[in-house]
């Protein structure tokens, strides 16, 4: 199925370069304050998500957030949902839930990888989405600590047609997804 091929490519986008993160990361908020974020994933507090990934956002919501029309959507695996915009667009949005099995591309590990990129300027903390959220601009991916040990990750894969600002689209979709957990 074509969704599986897109899933594989999207997962590669979600995986950031960077080592394991077993330590705190200091994130500059402004010139007068810093915040230390301890990764729940590194401390072993990850729990499986009970929500099906395709139940977290609808195709219409993905279309509205991206400005592109979803032509096909479905679960590529029990933890992944892909929203395709068609062959001419060559782009898809992926929503992943964590199964707490600790796989390399599990949203909790993606969260840790993105968190490690914050100090390097390769990612930014996103306020008011879940317990903590981080967006990696070059990877067009977002990982969210949804609270209570649950993690989700979203990403934009490929693209002949560029969706509306990927960051803004993913923040909007992550906010909706977290509200449904």
Protein backbone atom coordinates (compact mmCIF):
# COMPACT_ATOMS: atom_id res chain seq x y z
CA UNK A 1 0.00 0.00 0.00
CA UNK A 2 1.23 3.48 -0.85
CA UNK A 3 0.60 4.65 2.72
CA UNK A 4 3.32 2.30 3.99
CA UNK A 5 5.90 3.87 1.66
CA UNK A 6 4.92 7.33 2.81
CA UNK A 7 5.03 6.17 6.42
CA UNK A 8 8.61 4.97 6.04
CA UNK A 9 9.69 8.27 4.50
CA UNK A 10 7.83 10.31 7.09
CA UNK A 11 9.35 8.35 9.95
CA UNK A 12 12.80 9.21 8.64
CA UNK A 13 11.84 12.88 8.78
CA UNK A 14 10.66 12.47 12.36
CA UNK A 15 13.96 10.94 13.49
CA UNK A 16 16.38 13.71 14.36
CA UNK A 17 20.12 13.40 14.44
CA UNK A 18 21.50 13.54 17.93
CA UNK A 19 22.41 11.20 20.71
CA UNK A 20 20.42 9.81 23.53
CA UNK A 21 19.14 12.40 25.97
CA UNK A 22 19.41 11.26 29.57
CA UNK A 23 19.98 14.72 30.95
CA UNK A 24 18.14 17.99 31.43
CA UNK A 25 18.11 20.47 28.56
CA UNK A 26 18.17 24.19 29.35
CA UNK A 27 15.96 26.20 27.02
CA UNK A 28 16.41 29.98 26.78
CA UNK A 29 13.06 31.72 27.10
CA UNK A 30 14.29 35.30 27.14
CA UNK A 31 17.36 37.23 28.20
CA UNK A 32 16.38 37.11 31.87
CA UNK A 33 15.12 33.55 32.38
CA UNK A 34 15.82 29.93 31.49
CA UNK A 35 13.69 26.83 31.85
CA UNK A 36 14.99 23.34 32.46
CA UNK A 37 12.98 20.62 30.80
CA UNK A 38 13.48 17.07 32.02
CA UNK A 39 12.48 14.52 29.47
CA UNK A 40 9.82 12.14 30.80
CA UNK A 41 10.78 9.69 28.05
CA UNK A 42 14.34 9.46 29.37
CA UNK A 43 13.07 8.77 32.88
CA UNK A 44 10.98 5.76 31.77
CA UNK A 45 7.53 7.25 32.33
CA UNK A 46 6.17 6.40 28.87
CA UNK A 47 2.78 4.66 28.69
CA UNK A 48 1.02 3.25 25.61
CA UNK A 49 -1.51 5.56 24.00
CA UNK A 50 -4.99 4.04 23.89
CA UNK A 51 -6.31 6.38 21.18
CA UNK A 52 -6.14 5.25 17.56
CA UNK A 53 -3.94 7.69 15.63
CA UNK A 54 -6.60 8.40 12.98
CA UNK A 55 -9.08 9.36 15.72
CA UNK A 56 -6.93 12.29 16.84
CA UNK A 57 -7.50 14.55 13.82
CA UNK A 58 -9.89 14.31 10.88
CA UNK A 59 -9.06 14.57 7.19
CA UNK A 60 -11.06 17.82 7.06
CA UNK A 61 -9.00 19.26 9.93
CA UNK A 62 -5.75 18.29 8.18
CA UNK A 63 -7.01 19.93 4.97
CA UNK A 64 -7.98 23.10 6.83
CA UNK A 65 -4.65 23.30 8.67
CA UNK A 66 -2.48 22.71 5.59
CA UNK A 67 -4.51 24.42 2.88
CA UNK A 68 -4.32 21.22 0.79
CA UNK A 69 -7.11 18.70 0.20
CA UNK A 70 -6.67 15.27 1.77
CA UNK A 71 -7.51 12.66 -0.88
CA UNK A 72 -6.73 9.53 1.15
CA UNK A 73 -6.16 8.75 4.80
CA UNK A 74 -5.78 5.66 6.91
CA UNK A 75 -3.77 3.77 9.45
CA UNK A 76 -0.44 2.60 8.08
CA UNK A 77 0.13 0.71 11.34
CA UNK A 78 -1.62 0.51 14.72
CA UNK A 79 0.38 3.57 15.84
CA UNK A 80 0.48 5.63 12.60
CA UNK A 81 -2.06 7.49 10.50
CA UNK A 82 -1.18 9.03 7.13
CA UNK A 83 -3.10 11.83 5.41
CA UNK A 84 -2.20 12.00 1.70
CA UNK A 85 -2.80 14.96 -0.59
CA UNK A 86 -2.45 13.02 -3.86
CA UNK A 87 0.29 12.22 -6.33
CA UNK A 88 0.49 15.75 -7.74
CA UNK A 89 1.04 17.21 -4.27
CA UNK A 90 3.54 14.52 -3.30
CA UNK A 91 3.12 15.39 0.35
CA UNK A 92 1.52 13.77 3.38
CA UNK A 93 0.93 14.48 7.06
CA UNK A 94 1.68 11.72 9.55
CA UNK A 95 0.29 11.33 13.08
CA UNK A 96 1.97 8.76 15.37
CA UNK A 97 1.02 7.56 18.83
CA UNK A 98 3.48 5.92 21.22
CA UNK A 99 3.07 2.24 22.07
CA UNK A 100 5.63 2.49 24.93
CA UNK A 101 7.76 -0.25 23.41
CA UNK A 102 10.73 2.08 23.07
CA UNK A 103 11.34 1.80 19.34
CA UNK A 104 13.84 4.17 17.75
CA UNK A 105 11.07 6.13 16.01
CA UNK A 106 8.61 6.06 18.91
CA UNK A 107 7.20 9.54 19.59
CA UNK A 108 8.83 9.58 23.05
CA UNK A 109 12.25 9.03 21.44
CA UNK A 110 11.50 11.58 18.74
CA UNK A 111 10.59 14.01 21.53
CA UNK A 112 13.95 13.41 23.21
CA UNK A 113 15.80 13.86 19.91
CA UNK A 114 14.01 17.10 19.10
CA UNK A 115 14.54 18.35 22.65
CA UNK A 116 18.29 17.82 22.17
CA UNK A 117 18.13 20.07 19.08
CA UNK A 118 16.71 23.05 20.98
CA UNK A 119 20.07 24.27 22.30
CA UNK A 120 21.56 23.99 18.80
CA UNK A 121 18.77 26.11 17.30
CA UNK A 122 17.42 23.18 15.28
CA UNK A 123 14.15 23.02 17.21
CA UNK A 124 11.93 25.22 19.33
CA UNK A 125 9.69 24.64 22.30
CA UNK A 126 6.01 25.24 21.51
CA UNK A 127 3.98 26.61 24.43
CA UNK A 128 0.45 25.54 25.34
CA UNK A 129 0.42 22.16 23.56
CA UNK A 130 0.26 19.22 25.95
CA UNK A 131 2.68 19.11 28.88
CA UNK A 132 5.53 20.06 26.50
CA UNK A 133 5.94 20.23 22.74
CA UNK A 134 8.91 20.74 20.45
CA UNK A 135 9.03 21.53 16.71
CA UNK A 136 12.08 20.74 14.54
CA UNK A 137 11.87 23.13 11.62
CA UNK A 138 14.36 21.44 9.25
CA UNK A 139 12.65 18.09 9.81
CA UNK A 140 9.12 19.53 9.58
CA UNK A 141 8.18 17.46 12.61
CA UNK A 142 6.65 18.01 16.02
CA UNK A 143 6.70 15.79 19.10
CA UNK A 144 4.40 16.26 22.05
CA UNK A 145 4.52 15.06 25.64
CA UNK A 146 0.76 14.78 26.00
CA UNK A 147 1.03 14.33 29.77
CA UNK A 148 0.53 11.26 31.95
CA UNK A 149 3.33 9.47 30.09
CA UNK A 150 1.74 9.65 26.62
CA UNK A 151 3.52 10.96 23.52
CA UNK A 152 2.48 11.77 19.96
CA UNK A 153 4.47 12.92 16.95
CA UNK A 154 3.35 14.66 13.78
CA UNK A 155 5.25 15.36 10.60
CA UNK A 156 5.04 16.63 7.04
CA UNK A 157 6.57 14.28 4.48
CA UNK A 158 7.75 15.11 0.96
CA UNK A 159 6.14 17.80 -1.06
CA UNK A 160 5.75 19.06 -4.57
CA UNK A 161 2.95 21.22 -3.22
CA UNK A 162 3.93 23.06 -0.06
CA UNK A 163 1.36 22.97 2.72
CA UNK A 164 0.56 26.15 4.60
CA UNK A 165 3.43 26.92 7.00
CA UNK A 166 4.27 23.41 8.28
CA UNK A 167 4.99 24.66 11.81
CA UNK A 168 1.63 26.38 12.14
CA UNK A 169 -0.24 23.44 10.61
CA UNK A 170 1.42 20.94 12.95
CA UNK A 171 0.83 23.13 16.02
CA UNK A 172 -2.86 23.39 15.10
CA UNK A 173 -3.16 19.64 14.53
CA UNK A 174 -1.20 18.74 17.68
CA UNK A 175 -3.45 21.00 19.74
CA UNK A 176 -6.52 19.22 18.37
CA UNK A 177 -4.96 15.79 18.89
CA UNK A 178 -4.03 16.46 22.50
CA UNK A 179 -7.55 17.74 23.23
CA UNK A 180 -8.90 14.32 22.17
CA UNK A 181 -6.65 12.19 24.37
